[in-house]
C-alpha atoms as a PDB file:
ATOM      1  CA  MET A   1      -0.609  -0.936  -9.299  1.00  0.00           C
ATOM      2  CA  GLN A   2      -2.463   2.317  -9.882  1.00  0.00           C
ATOM      3  CA  ALA A   3      -4.312   0.621 -12.752  1.00  0.00           C
ATOM      4  CA  PHE A   4      -5.420  -2.190 -10.432  1.00  0.00           C
ATOM      5  CA  PHE A   5      -6.556   0.125  -7.648  1.00  0.00           C
ATOM      6  CA  SER A   6      -8.374   2.450 -10.030  1.00  0.00           C
ATOM      7  CA  ARG A   7     -10.900  -0.289 -10.842  1.00  0.00           C
ATOM      8  CA  THR A   8     -12.623   0.008  -7.449  1.00  0.00           C
ATOM      9  CA  GLU A   9     -14.026   2.808  -5.348  1.00  0.00           C
ATOM     10  CA  ALA A  10     -11.893   1.805  -2.347  1.00  0.00           C
ATOM     11  CA  GLY A  11      -8.767   1.827  -4.508  1.00  0.00           C
ATOM     12  CA  ARG A  12      -9.541   5.226  -5.992  1.00  0.00           C
ATOM     13  CA  GLU A  13     -10.127   6.657  -2.532  1.00  0.00           C
ATOM     14  CA  LEU A  14      -6.752   5.344  -1.368  1.00  0.00           C
ATOM     15  CA  LEU A  15      -4.910   6.699  -4.412  1.00  0.00           C
ATOM     16  CA  GLY A  16      -6.586  10.068  -3.937  1.00  0.00           C
ATOM     17  CA  ARG A  17      -4.938  10.458  -0.525  1.00  0.00           C
ATOM     18  CA  PHE A  18      -1.421  10.408  -1.968  1.00  0.00           C
ATOM     19  CA  LYS A  19      -1.144  13.855  -3.538  1.00  0.00           C
ATOM     20  CA  ASP A  20       1.590  16.454  -3.251  1.00  0.00           C
ATOM     21  CA  ALA A  21       1.012  20.169  -2.718  1.00  0.00           C
ATOM     22  CA  LYS A  22       0.258  20.611  -6.444  1.00  0.00           C
ATOM     23  CA  GLY A  23      -2.202  17.723  -6.548  1.00  0.00           C
ATOM     24  CA  ARG A  24       0.135  15.335  -8.362  1.00  0.00           C
ATOM     25  CA  PRO A  25       0.345  11.630  -7.412  1.00  0.00           C
ATOM     26  CA  ASP A  26       2.829  11.127  -4.576  1.00  0.00           C
ATOM     27  CA  LEU A  27       2.821   7.406  -3.832  1.00  0.00           C
ATOM     28  CA  PRO A  28       5.473   5.682  -1.710  1.00  0.00           C
ATOM     29  CA  LYS A  29       8.229   3.816  -3.490  1.00  0.00           C
ATOM     30  CA  LEU A  30       7.821   0.082  -4.054  1.00  0.00           C
ATOM     31  CA  THR A  31      10.673  -2.400  -3.958  1.00  0.00           C
ATOM     32  CA  VAL A  32      11.284  -6.140  -3.587  1.00  0.00           C
ATOM     33  CA  LEU A  33      13.860  -7.179  -1.001  1.00  0.00           C
ATOM     34  CA  LYS A  34      14.931 -10.250   0.886  1.00  0.00           C
ATOM     35  CA  MET A  35      13.693  -9.443   4.371  1.00  0.00           C
ATOM     36  CA  SER A  36      15.258 -12.733   5.454  1.00  0.00           C
ATOM     37  CA  GLN A  37      17.889 -14.967   3.905  1.00  0.00           C
ATOM     38  CA  ARG A  38      15.504 -17.923   3.748  1.00  0.00           C
ATOM     39  CA  PRO A  39      11.717 -18.196   3.605  1.00  0.00           C
ATOM     40  CA  GLY A  40      10.270 -18.877   7.030  1.00  0.00           C
ATOM     41  CA  ASP A  41      13.198 -17.418   8.980  1.00  0.00           C
ATOM     42  CA  ALA A  42      12.390 -15.818  12.331  1.00  0.00           C
ATOM     43  CA  GLY A  43      11.389 -12.182  12.151  1.00  0.00           C
ATOM     44  CA  TYR A  44      10.219 -11.140   8.698  1.00  0.00           C
ATOM     45  CA  GLY A  45      10.779 -14.549   7.094  1.00  0.00           C
ATOM     46  CA  GLY A  46       7.060 -15.184   6.787  1.00  0.00           C
ATOM     47  CA  ALA A  47       5.984 -11.602   6.090  1.00  0.00           C
ATOM     48  CA  ALA A  48       4.480 -10.697   2.718  1.00  0.00           C
ATOM     49  CA  ALA A  49       5.247  -6.967   2.871  1.00  0.00           C
ATOM     50  CA  VAL A  50       6.006  -4.105   5.242  1.00  0.00           C
ATOM     51  CA  TYR A  51       5.947  -0.328   5.035  1.00  0.00           C
ATOM     52  CA  ASP A  52       9.125   1.483   6.049  1.00  0.00           C
ATOM     53  CA  GLU A  53       8.417   5.099   6.957  1.00  0.00           C
ATOM     54  CA  SER A  54      12.093   6.080   7.246  1.00  0.00           C
ATOM     55  CA  SER A  55      12.511   5.519   3.492  1.00  0.00           C
ATOM     56  CA  ARG A  56       8.828   5.944   2.611  1.00  0.00           C
ATOM     57  CA  THR A  57       8.923   2.586   0.849  1.00  0.00           C
ATOM     58  CA  VAL A  58       6.585  -0.385   0.635  1.00  0.00           C
ATOM     59  CA  ILE A  59       8.817  -3.463   0.733  1.00  0.00           C
ATOM     60  CA  LEU A  60       7.516  -6.657  -0.837  1.00  0.00           C
ATOM     61  CA  SER A  61       9.162  -9.802   0.429  1.00  0.00           C
ATOM     62  CA  HIS A  62      11.323 -11.516  -2.185  1.00  0.00           C
ATOM     63  CA  TRP A  63      10.036 -14.894  -1.039  1.00  0.00           C
ATOM     64  CA  HIS A  64       6.409 -13.817  -1.206  1.00  0.00           C
ATOM     65  CA  VAL A  65       6.846 -12.698  -4.821  1.00  0.00           C
ATOM     66  CA  VAL A  66       8.525 -16.012  -5.672  1.00  0.00           C
ATOM     67  CA  ARG A  67       5.579 -17.903  -4.133  1.00  0.00           C
ATOM     68  CA  GLN A  68       3.143 -15.946  -6.317  1.00  0.00           C
ATOM     69  CA  ILE A  69       5.153 -16.757  -9.445  1.00  0.00           C
ATOM     70  CA  LEU A  70       5.360 -20.461  -8.616  1.00  0.00           C
ATOM     71  CA  ALA A  71       1.608 -20.572  -8.031  1.00  0.00           C
ATOM     72  CA  GLY A  72       1.115 -19.815 -11.720  1.00  0.00           C
ATOM     73  CA  VAL A  73       3.468 -22.390 -13.271  1.00  0.00           C
ATOM     74  CA  PRO A  74       3.032 -26.157 -13.718  1.00  0.00           C
ATOM     75  CA  ALA A  75       3.892 -28.212 -10.640  1.00  0.00           C
ATOM     76  CA  ALA A  76       6.666 -30.046 -12.488  1.00  0.00           C
ATOM     77  CA  GLU A  77       8.539 -26.772 -13.044  1.00  0.00           C
ATOM     78  CA  ARG A  78       8.215 -25.281  -9.570  1.00  0.00           C
ATOM     79  CA  GLU A  79      11.203 -26.851  -7.833  1.00  0.00           C
ATOM     80  CA  LYS A  80      13.704 -25.930 -10.542  1.00  0.00           C
ATOM     81  CA  LEU A  81      12.292 -22.437 -11.065  1.00  0.00           C
ATOM     82  CA  GLY A  82      12.074 -21.813  -7.309  1.00  0.00           C
ATOM     83  CA  ALA A  83      15.757 -22.644  -6.885  1.00  0.00           C
ATOM     84  CA  ARG A  84      16.635 -20.304  -9.731  1.00  0.00           C
ATOM     85  CA  LEU A  85      14.544 -17.420  -8.386  1.00  0.00           C
ATOM     86  CA  SER A  86      16.104 -17.631  -4.926  1.00  0.00           C
ATOM     87  CA  ASP A  87      18.670 -15.192  -6.325  1.00  0.00           C
ATOM     88  CA  SER A  88      17.485 -11.569  -6.277  1.00  0.00           C
ATOM     89  CA  ARG A  89      19.037 -10.699  -9.633  1.00  0.00           C
ATOM     90  CA  ALA A  90      17.469 -13.758 -11.257  1.00  0.00           C
ATOM     91  CA  LEU A  91      14.063 -12.749  -9.906  1.00  0.00           C
ATOM     92  CA  ALA A  92      14.396  -9.226 -11.327  1.00  0.00           C
ATOM     93  CA  GLU A  93      15.471 -10.579 -14.733  1.00  0.00           C
ATOM     94  CA  TYR A  94      12.617 -13.089 -14.753  1.00  0.00           C
ATOM     95  CA  LEU A  95      10.001 -10.417 -14.071  1.00  0.00           C
ATOM     96  CA  ARG A  96      11.441  -8.140 -16.764  1.00  0.00           C
ATOM     97  CA  ALA A  97      11.361 -10.972 -19.296  1.00  0.00           C
ATOM     98  CA  HIS A  98       7.833 -12.153 -18.439  1.00  0.00           C
ATOM     99  CA  PRO A  99       5.355  -9.240 -18.466  1.00  0.00           C
ATOM    100  CA  ALA A 100       2.399 -11.607 -18.136  1.00  0.00           C
ATOM    101  CA  GLN A 101       3.864 -12.939 -14.896  1.00  0.00           C
ATOM    102  CA  ARG A 102       4.378  -9.377 -13.634  1.00  0.00           C
ATOM    103  CA  THR A 103       0.695  -8.695 -14.191  1.00  0.00           C
ATOM    104  CA  ALA A 104      -0.290 -11.977 -12.512  1.00  0.00           C
ATOM    105  CA  VAL A 105       1.893 -11.231  -9.479  1.00  0.00           C
ATOM    106  CA  ALA A 106       0.442  -7.725  -9.215  1.00  0.00           C
ATOM    107  CA  ASN A 107      -3.046  -9.213  -9.289  1.00  0.00           C
ATOM    108  CA  ARG A 108      -2.130 -11.552  -6.419  1.00  0.00           C
ATOM    109  CA  VAL A 109      -0.418  -9.027  -4.149  1.00  0.00           C
ATOM    110  CA  ASP A 110      -2.734  -6.036  -4.650  1.00  0.00           C
ATOM    111  CA  VAL A 111      -4.647  -6.630  -1.398  1.00  0.00           C
ATOM    112  CA  THR A 112      -1.355  -6.856   0.512  1.00  0.00           C
ATOM    113  CA  LEU A 113      -0.163  -3.616  -1.073  1.00  0.00           C
ATOM    114  CA  PHE A 114      -3.471  -1.945  -0.244  1.00  0.00           C
ATOM    115  CA  HIS A 115      -2.902  -2.887   3.401  1.00  0.00           C
ATOM    116  CA  GLU A 116       0.616  -1.461   3.460  1.00  0.00           C
ATOM    117  CA  LEU A 117      -0.360   1.688   1.572  1.00  0.00           C
ATOM    118  CA  THR A 118      -2.993   2.259   4.230  1.00  0.00           C
ATOM    119  CA  HIS A 119      -0.199   2.215   6.798  1.00  0.00           C
ATOM    120  CA  ALA A 120       1.742   4.678   4.643  1.00  0.00           C
ATOM    121  CA  TRP A 121      -1.256   7.002   4.656  1.00  0.00           C
ATOM    122  CA  GLN A 122      -1.569   6.639   8.430  1.00  0.00           C
ATOM    123  CA  TYR A 123       2.026   7.824   8.891  1.00  0.00           C
ATOM    124  CA  ARG A 124       1.407  10.879   6.719  1.00  0.00           C
ATOM    125  CA  ARG A 125      -1.861  11.584   8.491  1.00  0.00           C
ATOM    126  CA  GLN A 126      -0.669  11.148  12.074  1.00  0.00           C
ATOM    127  CA  SER A 127       2.527  12.821  13.230  1.00  0.00           C
ATOM    128  CA  LEU A 128       2.547  10.690  16.404  1.00  0.00           C
ATOM    129  CA  ALA A 129       3.432   7.630  14.339  1.00  0.00           C
ATOM    130  CA  VAL A 130       6.492   9.390  12.909  1.00  0.00           C
ATOM    131  CA  GLU A 131       7.599  10.580  16.347  1.00  0.00           C
ATOM    132  CA  SER A 132       7.326   6.990  17.590  1.00  0.00           C
ATOM    133  CA  ILE A 133       9.862   5.923  14.967  1.00  0.00           C
ATOM    134  CA  ARG A 134      12.157   8.782  15.968  1.00  0.00           C
ATOM    135  CA  GLY A 135      11.992   7.650  19.580  1.00  0.00           C
ATOM    136  CA  ASN A 136      10.246  10.807  20.766  1.00  0.00           C
ATOM    137  CA  ALA A 137       6.997   9.023  21.647  1.00  0.00           C
ATOM    138  CA  PRO A 138       6.056   5.547  22.897  1.00  0.00           C
ATOM    139  CA  SER A 139       6.035   2.964  20.118  1.00  0.00           C
ATOM    140  CA  GLY A 140       3.981  -0.161  19.561  1.00  0.00           C
ATOM    141  CA  ILE A 141       1.384  -1.700  17.290  1.00  0.00           C
ATOM    142  CA  ILE A 142      -1.802   0.306  17.620  1.00  0.00           C
ATOM    143  CA  LEU A 143      -4.693  -2.034  16.898  1.00  0.00           C
ATOM    144  CA  ALA A 144      -6.815   0.741  15.431  1.00  0.00           C
ATOM    145  CA  ARG A 145      -4.292   1.132  12.611  1.00  0.00           C
ATOM    146  CA  GLU A 146      -4.358  -2.565  11.821  1.00  0.00           C
ATOM    147  CA  HIS A 147      -8.153  -2.595  11.948  1.00  0.00           C
ATOM    148  CA  GLU A 148      -8.281   0.258   9.434  1.00  0.00           C
ATOM    149  CA  ALA A 149      -5.759  -1.471   7.138  1.00  0.00           C
ATOM    150  CA  PHE A 150      -7.525  -4.848   7.227  1.00  0.00           C
ATOM    151  CA  PHE A 151     -10.967  -3.308   6.830  1.00  0.00           C
ATOM    152  CA  GLY A 152      -9.830  -1.280   3.820  1.00  0.00           C
ATOM    153  CA  GLY A 153      -8.133  -4.285   2.249  1.00  0.00           C
ATOM    154  CA  ASN A 154     -11.229  -6.445   2.711  1.00  0.00           C
ATOM    155  CA  ARG A 155     -13.429  -3.756   1.213  1.00  0.00           C
ATOM    156  CA  TYR A 156     -11.101  -3.450  -1.782  1.00  0.00           C
ATOM    157  CA  PHE A 157     -11.067  -7.240  -2.257  1.00  0.00           C
ATOM    158  CA  HIS A 158     -14.871  -7.390  -2.120  1.00  0.00           C
ATOM    159  CA  GLU A 159     -15.201  -4.645  -4.732  1.00  0.00           C
ATOM    160  CA  LYS A 160     -12.573  -6.346  -6.880  1.00  0.00           C
ATOM    161  CA  LEU A 161     -14.609  -9.568  -6.862  1.00  0.00           C
ATOM    162  CA  MET A 162     -17.786  -7.674  -7.700  1.00  0.00           C
ATOM    163  CA  CYS A 163     -16.077  -6.423 -10.877  1.00  0.00           C
ATOM    164  CA  ILE A 164     -15.860  -9.997 -12.210  1.00  0.00           C
ATOM    165  CA  PRO A 165     -18.683 -10.464 -14.750  1.00  0.00           C
ATOM    166  CA  GLY A 166     -21.434 -12.709 -13.429  1.00  0.00           C
ATOM    167  CA  LEU A 167     -19.923 -13.167  -9.985  1.00  0.00           C
ATOM    168  CA  SER A 168     -21.944 -10.439  -8.272  1.00  0.00           C
ATOM    169  CA  ARG A 169     -25.199 -11.958  -9.517  1.00  0.00           C
ATOM    170  CA  SER A 170     -24.284 -15.484  -8.415  1.00  0.00           C
ATOM    171  CA  SER A 171     -23.093 -14.292  -5.019  1.00  0.00           C
ATOM    172  CA  ARG A 172     -26.425 -12.616  -4.292  1.00  0.00           C
ATOM    173  CA  ALA A 173     -28.252 -15.822  -5.192  1.00  0.00           C
ATOM    174  CA  CYS A 174     -25.958 -17.827  -2.938  1.00  0.00           C
ATOM    175  CA  TRP A 175     -26.229 -15.705   0.210  1.00  0.00           C
ATOM    176  CA  PRO A 176     -28.002 -16.783   2.230  1.00  0.00           C
ATOM    177  CA  CYS A 177     -27.707 -20.335   0.857  1.00  0.00           C
ATOM    178  CA  ARG A 178     -31.125 -21.230  -0.494  1.00  0.00           C
ATOM    179  CA  PRO A 179     -32.582 -22.098  -3.913  1.00  0.00           C
ATOM    180  CA  PRO A 180     -34.169 -19.297  -5.960  1.00  0.00           C
ATOM    181  CA  ARG A 181     -37.881 -18.840  -5.388  1.00  0.00           C
ATOM    182  CA  ALA A 182     -38.762 -20.146  -8.852  1.00  0.00           C
ATOM    183  CA  SER A 183     -37.144 -23.518  -8.132  1.00  0.00           C
ATOM    184  CA  MET A 184     -39.396 -24.002  -5.100  1.00  0.00           C
ATOM    185  CA  ARG A 185     -42.445 -24.401  -7.328  1.00  0.00           C
ATOM    186  CA  SER A 186     -43.616 -27.802  -8.473  1.00  0.00           C
ATOM    187  CA  SER A 187     -43.440 -28.664 -12.164  1.00  0.00           C
ATOM    188  CA  THR A 188     -46.946 -30.210 -11.842  1.00  0.00           C
ATOM    189  CA  PRO A 189     -49.706 -27.612 -12.440  1.00  0.00           C
ATOM    190  CA  GLY A 190     -51.868 -26.986  -9.421  1.00  0.00           C
ATOM    191  CA  ARG A 191     -49.542 -28.758  -7.030  1.00  0.00           C
ATOM    192  CA  ARG A 192     -47.747 -26.836  -4.301  1.00  0.00           C
ATOM    193  CA  VAL A 193     -44.501 -27.884  -2.721  1.00  0.00           C
ATOM    194  CA  ARG A 194     -44.487 -28.045   1.067  1.00  0.00           C
ATOM    195  CA  ARG A 195     -41.698 -25.944   2.464  1.00  0.00           C
ATOM    196  CA  ARG A 196     -39.646 -27.216   5.354  1.00  0.00           C
ATOM    197  CA  PRO A 197     -39.859 -24.983   8.436  1.00  0.00           C
ATOM    198  CA  ARG A 198     -36.948 -22.591   8.722  1.00  0.00           C
ATOM    199  CA  PRO A 199     -34.880 -22.816  11.911  1.00  0.00           C
ATOM    200  CA  SER A 200     -35.459 -20.125  14.478  1.00  0.00           C
ATOM    201  CA  MET A 201     -32.755 -17.443  14.505  1.00  0.00           C
ATOM    202  CA  SER A 202     -33.136 -17.213  18.271  1.00  0.00           C
ATOM    203  CA  SER A 203     -31.965 -20.783  18.795  1.00  0.00           C
ATOM    204  CA  SER A 204     -28.837 -20.946  20.901  1.00  0.00           C
ATOM    205  CA  ALA A 205     -27.728 -24.323  19.480  1.00  0.00           C
ATOM    206  CA  PRO A 206     -24.858 -23.789  17.015  1.00  0.00           C
ATOM    207  CA  SER A 207     -24.930 -25.371  13.583  1.00  0.00           C
ATOM    208  CA  SER A 208     -22.899 -28.542  13.270  1.00  0.00           C
ATOM    209  CA  PRO A 209     -19.874 -28.525  10.929  1.00  0.00           C
ATOM    210  CA  ALA A 210     -21.627 -31.091   8.750  1.00  0.00           C
ATOM    211  CA  SER A 211     -24.661 -28.862   8.282  1.00  0.00           C
ATOM    212  CA  VAL A 212     -22.449 -25.888   7.429  1.00  0.00           C
ATOM    213  CA  ASN A 213     -20.588 -27.954   4.827  1.00  0.00           C
ATOM    214  CA  ARG A 214     -23.858 -29.145   3.308  1.00  0.00           C
ATOM    215  CA  ALA A 215     -25.057 -25.547   3.033  1.00  0.00           C
ATOM    216  CA  ALA A 216     -21.811 -24.527   1.339  1.00  0.00           C
ATOM    217  CA  ARG A 217     -22.146 -27.332  -1.195  1.00  0.00           C
ATOM    218  CA  ASN A 218     -25.665 -26.176  -2.030  1.00  0.00           C
ATOM    219  CA  CYS A 219     -24.413 -22.751  -3.085  1.00  0.00           C
END
């Protein structure tokens, strides 16, 4: 995962926070566990990952990893392979035997891991969070922590997309959705194309879903 995160500025900043007293990397452990016996069970059945401060471990859901594997195989093979990978030992053996799938899974769960590593950093940074786990301080989900984790993950994802050759250029041309200036000129010399008036930004009438869909198709 360090190789994935090192590709972006946000990832490098996050990795730089996990250093020991001698400046060596000191990342939390990473493991894959069944947080529920079946996917979709109450509690953590639908969770992708959690960070456990008591063991300083990022826990990836077994079922979430299986879903990422099945997303990369032909549809005809998914049911049989999914039944096989419901066993934890079979999942571990499959990942060891298929390095390309390991890389693909890592590429699909990196944003989730970024989110949970942000929580790990929050626990190291704020002693109050640790005391909450010990029962010495009130506990609860502090929205500011989630905001920081989601914001960091979104920033990392954006920078990851910008690393894809050609995508950053096309995204700038597509936002806002309008043709490039050169395409607005007529192919007939001396003839100008009449531009349609742009809608006022101060208008309080919201865009209809149909107009939004048309704009998306024009990108």
